[in-house]
């Protein structure tokens, strides 16, 4: 039983469809690039973007450089992977990507149902490494706390971001339940901090080598009721 009645959630991939929103923003950035490089239309794909985003993450983490520069660096990696070496274009694409991020962000259907019901019994919060914002979403009103890596200076899987979340909620780490979809960021991060972790495994993925087994695993957020009764 949750002594402090606090449940923290990850955002991207857990509550919201980050991938669709990011792909939309990337498409808008590409429209600008194709004005000068129409021959690259078949090369500037979402898969190329995702690989470049992963490469940028490996190099900088989520918070290693300012978000504006992070976007530009990601676009530079995209362009160079298809043979275009233009730092100014990468900068403009990064600006457009940032402009269109969070404009098509949608809450998963199960989250739309579960979050309001949980909020009747538990205090809810967010712990996020990313830049997806909850403020304009239909579930925003149900979250009492939000902890963003860029604001606290630590990103998952570092335990410090979970310590900050516990301090904000006025409870111990052991009194929180955390729900997330990431293996390295969420499972490992929660385990590092002594926080009970619910892994939302929407894609039925296997655990990666070196990732500890989560305390709970679910495929749909509606399954959380057996862990956090309402």
Protein backbone atom coordinates (compact mmCIF):
# COMPACT_ATOMS: atom_id res chain seq x y z
CA UNK A 1 0.00 0.00 0.00
CA UNK A 2 1.25 3.49 -0.84
CA UNK A 3 1.82 5.17 2.52
CA UNK A 4 2.14 8.68 1.11
CA UNK A 5 -0.34 8.15 -1.73
CA UNK A 6 1.99 9.69 -4.31
CA UNK A 7 2.21 8.40 -7.88
CA UNK A 8 4.68 9.96 -10.28
CA UNK A 9 4.53 9.39 -14.04
CA UNK A 10 6.94 9.73 -16.90
CA UNK A 11 5.51 11.77 -19.80
CA UNK A 12 6.78 10.68 -23.23
CA UNK A 13 5.60 7.22 -24.23
CA UNK A 14 3.85 6.75 -20.90
CA UNK A 15 1.11 9.37 -20.91
CA UNK A 16 1.51 11.00 -24.31
CA UNK A 17 2.27 9.91 -27.87
CA UNK A 18 5.59 11.70 -28.13
CA UNK A 19 6.71 9.92 -31.28
CA UNK A 20 3.83 11.19 -33.42
CA UNK A 21 4.29 14.75 -32.23
CA UNK A 22 8.05 14.63 -32.79
CA UNK A 23 7.56 13.20 -36.30
CA UNK A 24 5.14 16.04 -37.11
CA UNK A 25 7.63 18.67 -35.92
CA UNK A 26 10.41 16.99 -37.90
CA UNK A 27 8.22 17.05 -41.01
CA UNK A 28 7.77 20.80 -40.65
CA UNK A 29 11.53 21.26 -40.30
CA UNK A 30 12.09 19.13 -43.40
CA UNK A 31 9.71 21.24 -45.48
CA UNK A 32 12.14 24.11 -45.04
CA UNK A 33 15.18 21.96 -45.86
CA UNK A 34 13.59 20.66 -49.06
CA UNK A 35 13.20 24.17 -50.43
CA UNK A 36 16.94 24.16 -51.05
CA UNK A 37 17.49 20.41 -51.31
CA UNK A 38 14.50 18.90 -53.14
CA UNK A 39 16.58 15.86 -54.08
CA UNK A 40 16.73 14.88 -50.39
CA UNK A 41 12.98 14.24 -50.14
CA UNK A 42 13.37 10.46 -50.05
CA UNK A 43 16.29 10.61 -47.64
CA UNK A 44 14.93 12.81 -44.84
CA UNK A 45 12.83 10.12 -43.22
CA UNK A 46 11.49 9.69 -39.71
CA UNK A 47 13.84 6.73 -39.25
CA UNK A 48 16.81 8.96 -40.08
CA UNK A 49 15.51 11.49 -37.58
CA UNK A 50 15.12 8.87 -34.84
CA UNK A 51 18.64 7.55 -35.34
CA UNK A 52 20.01 11.09 -35.27
CA UNK A 53 18.02 11.86 -32.14
CA UNK A 54 19.48 8.78 -30.45
CA UNK A 55 23.00 9.79 -31.49
CA UNK A 56 22.41 13.27 -30.06
CA UNK A 57 21.13 11.74 -26.83
CA UNK A 58 24.18 9.47 -26.54
CA UNK A 59 26.45 12.49 -26.95
CA UNK A 60 24.65 15.05 -24.79
CA UNK A 61 22.03 13.24 -22.74
CA UNK A 62 18.79 15.18 -22.41
CA UNK A 63 20.26 18.17 -20.63
CA UNK A 64 23.91 18.46 -21.71
CA UNK A 65 23.32 21.53 -23.88
CA UNK A 66 20.51 24.14 -24.06
CA UNK A 67 17.36 22.77 -25.67
CA UNK A 68 17.63 25.13 -28.67
CA UNK A 69 21.16 23.87 -29.36
CA UNK A 70 20.02 20.27 -28.77
CA UNK A 71 17.46 20.56 -31.53
CA UNK A 72 19.96 22.18 -33.89
CA UNK A 73 22.57 19.51 -33.15
CA UNK A 74 20.02 16.80 -33.87
CA UNK A 75 19.17 18.42 -37.21
CA UNK A 76 22.84 18.79 -38.07
CA UNK A 77 23.24 15.06 -37.50
CA UNK A 78 20.19 14.41 -39.67
CA UNK A 79 21.53 16.52 -42.53
CA UNK A 80 25.04 15.16 -42.41
CA UNK A 81 23.71 11.59 -42.45
CA UNK A 82 22.21 12.32 -45.89
CA UNK A 83 25.23 14.22 -47.19
CA UNK A 84 24.18 17.82 -46.46
CA UNK A 85 26.72 19.87 -44.52
CA UNK A 86 25.05 23.18 -43.65
CA UNK A 87 25.16 24.41 -40.06
CA UNK A 88 22.92 27.40 -40.78
CA UNK A 89 20.24 25.16 -42.27
CA UNK A 90 20.50 22.85 -39.26
CA UNK A 91 19.97 25.84 -36.99
CA UNK A 92 16.88 26.95 -38.87
CA UNK A 93 15.51 23.42 -38.87
CA UNK A 94 16.12 23.19 -35.13
CA UNK A 95 14.16 26.39 -34.59
CA UNK A 96 11.25 25.06 -36.65
CA UNK A 97 11.32 21.74 -34.84
CA UNK A 98 11.12 23.55 -31.51
CA UNK A 99 8.31 25.75 -32.80
CA UNK A 100 6.15 22.79 -33.80
CA UNK A 101 6.96 20.48 -30.85
CA UNK A 102 4.02 20.06 -28.49
CA UNK A 103 1.53 21.29 -31.13
CA UNK A 104 0.04 17.85 -31.90
CA UNK A 105 0.80 16.10 -28.61
CA UNK A 106 -1.97 13.64 -27.72
CA UNK A 107 -2.71 11.80 -24.51
CA UNK A 108 -3.04 8.03 -24.82
CA UNK A 109 -6.60 6.76 -24.42
CA UNK A 110 -5.75 4.68 -21.36
CA UNK A 111 -4.13 7.69 -19.70
CA UNK A 112 -7.23 9.81 -20.37
CA UNK A 113 -9.23 7.26 -18.42
CA UNK A 114 -6.77 6.34 -15.68
CA UNK A 115 -5.29 9.67 -14.60
CA UNK A 116 -8.56 11.31 -13.43
CA UNK A 117 -9.59 8.17 -11.54
CA UNK A 118 -6.25 7.87 -9.77
CA UNK A 119 -6.33 11.56 -8.89
CA UNK A 120 -9.44 10.93 -6.77
CA UNK A 121 -7.33 8.90 -4.36
CA UNK A 122 -3.66 9.71 -4.95
CA UNK A 123 -1.59 12.83 -5.45
CA UNK A 124 -0.03 12.70 -8.90
CA UNK A 125 3.16 14.12 -10.33
CA UNK A 126 5.40 14.09 -13.39
CA UNK A 127 9.11 13.30 -13.72
CA UNK A 128 10.43 13.98 -17.21
CA UNK A 129 13.76 14.30 -18.98
CA UNK A 130 12.11 15.71 -22.08
CA UNK A 131 10.45 18.87 -23.31
CA UNK A 132 6.86 17.66 -23.66
CA UNK A 133 4.67 19.92 -21.55
CA UNK A 134 1.50 18.94 -19.77
CA UNK A 135 -0.01 22.41 -19.34
CA UNK A 136 -2.27 22.41 -22.43
CA UNK A 137 -3.27 18.76 -22.22
CA UNK A 138 -6.67 17.58 -20.93
CA UNK A 139 -5.01 15.80 -17.99
CA UNK A 140 -3.02 18.82 -16.78
CA UNK A 141 -5.31 19.66 -13.87
CA UNK A 142 -4.74 16.30 -12.19
CA UNK A 143 -1.00 16.75 -11.53
CA UNK A 144 0.06 18.41 -8.32
CA UNK A 145 3.80 18.22 -9.04
CA UNK A 146 6.09 18.36 -12.06
CA UNK A 147 9.83 17.72 -12.06
CA UNK A 148 11.70 18.39 -15.30
CA UNK A 149 15.35 17.45 -15.69
CA UNK A 150 16.33 20.81 -17.13
CA UNK A 151 14.84 22.57 -14.12
CA UNK A 152 16.46 20.45 -11.40
CA UNK A 153 19.80 19.87 -13.15
CA UNK A 154 19.63 16.07 -13.08
CA UNK A 155 18.16 13.63 -15.58
CA UNK A 156 16.99 10.05 -15.30
CA UNK A 157 18.48 7.55 -14.52
CA UNK A 158 20.30 9.70 -11.92
CA UNK A 159 18.67 9.20 -8.50
CA UNK A 160 18.81 12.93 -7.78
CA UNK A 161 15.78 13.69 -9.97
CA UNK A 162 13.75 11.19 -7.95
CA UNK A 163 15.06 12.70 -4.72
CA UNK A 164 13.85 16.10 -5.98
CA UNK A 165 10.42 14.62 -6.74
CA UNK A 166 10.14 13.10 -3.27
CA UNK A 167 11.19 16.37 -1.63
CA UNK A 168 8.61 18.29 -3.66
CA UNK A 169 5.86 15.89 -2.61
CA UNK A 170 7.03 15.78 1.01
CA UNK A 171 7.60 12.03 1.15
CA UNK A 172 10.41 9.48 1.12
CA UNK A 173 11.47 7.74 -2.09
CA UNK A 174 10.14 4.48 -0.70
CA UNK A 175 6.69 6.06 -0.34
CA UNK A 176 6.32 6.83 -4.06
CA UNK A 177 5.15 4.74 -6.98
CA UNK A 178 6.64 5.62 -10.35
CA UNK A 179 5.23 4.69 -13.77
CA UNK A 180 7.36 4.87 -16.90
CA UNK A 181 8.05 3.21 -20.24
CA UNK A 182 11.82 3.66 -20.51
CA UNK A 183 14.17 0.87 -19.53
CA UNK A 184 17.38 2.83 -19.02
CA UNK A 185 15.75 6.06 -17.85
CA UNK A 186 12.73 4.83 -15.91
CA UNK A 187 13.40 1.30 -14.67
CA UNK A 188 17.07 1.80 -13.92
CA UNK A 189 16.47 5.30 -12.59
CA UNK A 190 13.76 4.24 -10.17
CA UNK A 191 15.78 1.26 -8.99
CA UNK A 192 18.81 3.53 -8.43
CA UNK A 193 16.66 5.75 -6.23
CA UNK A 194 14.85 3.06 -4.27
CA UNK A 195 11.50 3.89 -5.86
CA UNK A 196 8.87 1.25 -6.66
CA UNK A 197 8.60 1.08 -10.46
CA UNK A 198 5.72 0.14 -12.74
CA UNK A 199 7.00 -0.49 -16.26
CA UNK A 200 4.38 0.33 -18.90
CA UNK A 201 5.56 -1.94 -21.71
CA UNK A 202 3.24 -0.94 -24.54
CA UNK A 203 5.31 -2.67 -27.23
CA UNK A 204 5.85 -5.96 -25.33
CA UNK A 205 9.61 -5.44 -25.48
CA UNK A 206 12.14 -7.72 -23.80
CA UNK A 207 14.26 -6.37 -20.97
CA UNK A 208 17.64 -5.23 -22.20
CA UNK A 209 20.86 -6.66 -20.82
CA UNK A 210 21.80 -4.95 -17.58
CA UNK A 211 18.32 -3.61 -16.84
CA UNK A 212 16.92 -4.87 -13.51
CA UNK A 213 13.48 -6.46 -13.44
CA UNK A 214 10.82 -3.85 -12.58
CA UNK A 215 8.61 -4.30 -9.54
CA UNK A 216 5.57 -4.44 -11.82
CA UNK A 217 5.00 -4.72 -15.57
CA UNK A 218 1.82 -3.72 -17.39
CA UNK A 219 0.81 -3.38 -21.06
CA UNK A 220 -1.98 -0.85 -20.54
CA UNK A 221 -2.32 1.82 -17.85
CA UNK A 222 -5.71 0.40 -16.87
CA UNK A 223 -3.82 -2.52 -15.33
CA UNK A 224 -2.41 -0.20 -12.67
CA UNK A 225 -5.53 -0.57 -10.56
CA UNK A 226 -4.27 -3.92 -9.27
CA UNK A 227 -1.16 -2.11 -8.00
CA UNK A 228 -2.74 1.16 -6.90
CA UNK A 229 -6.37 0.34 -6.01
CA UNK A 230 -8.94 3.07 -6.46
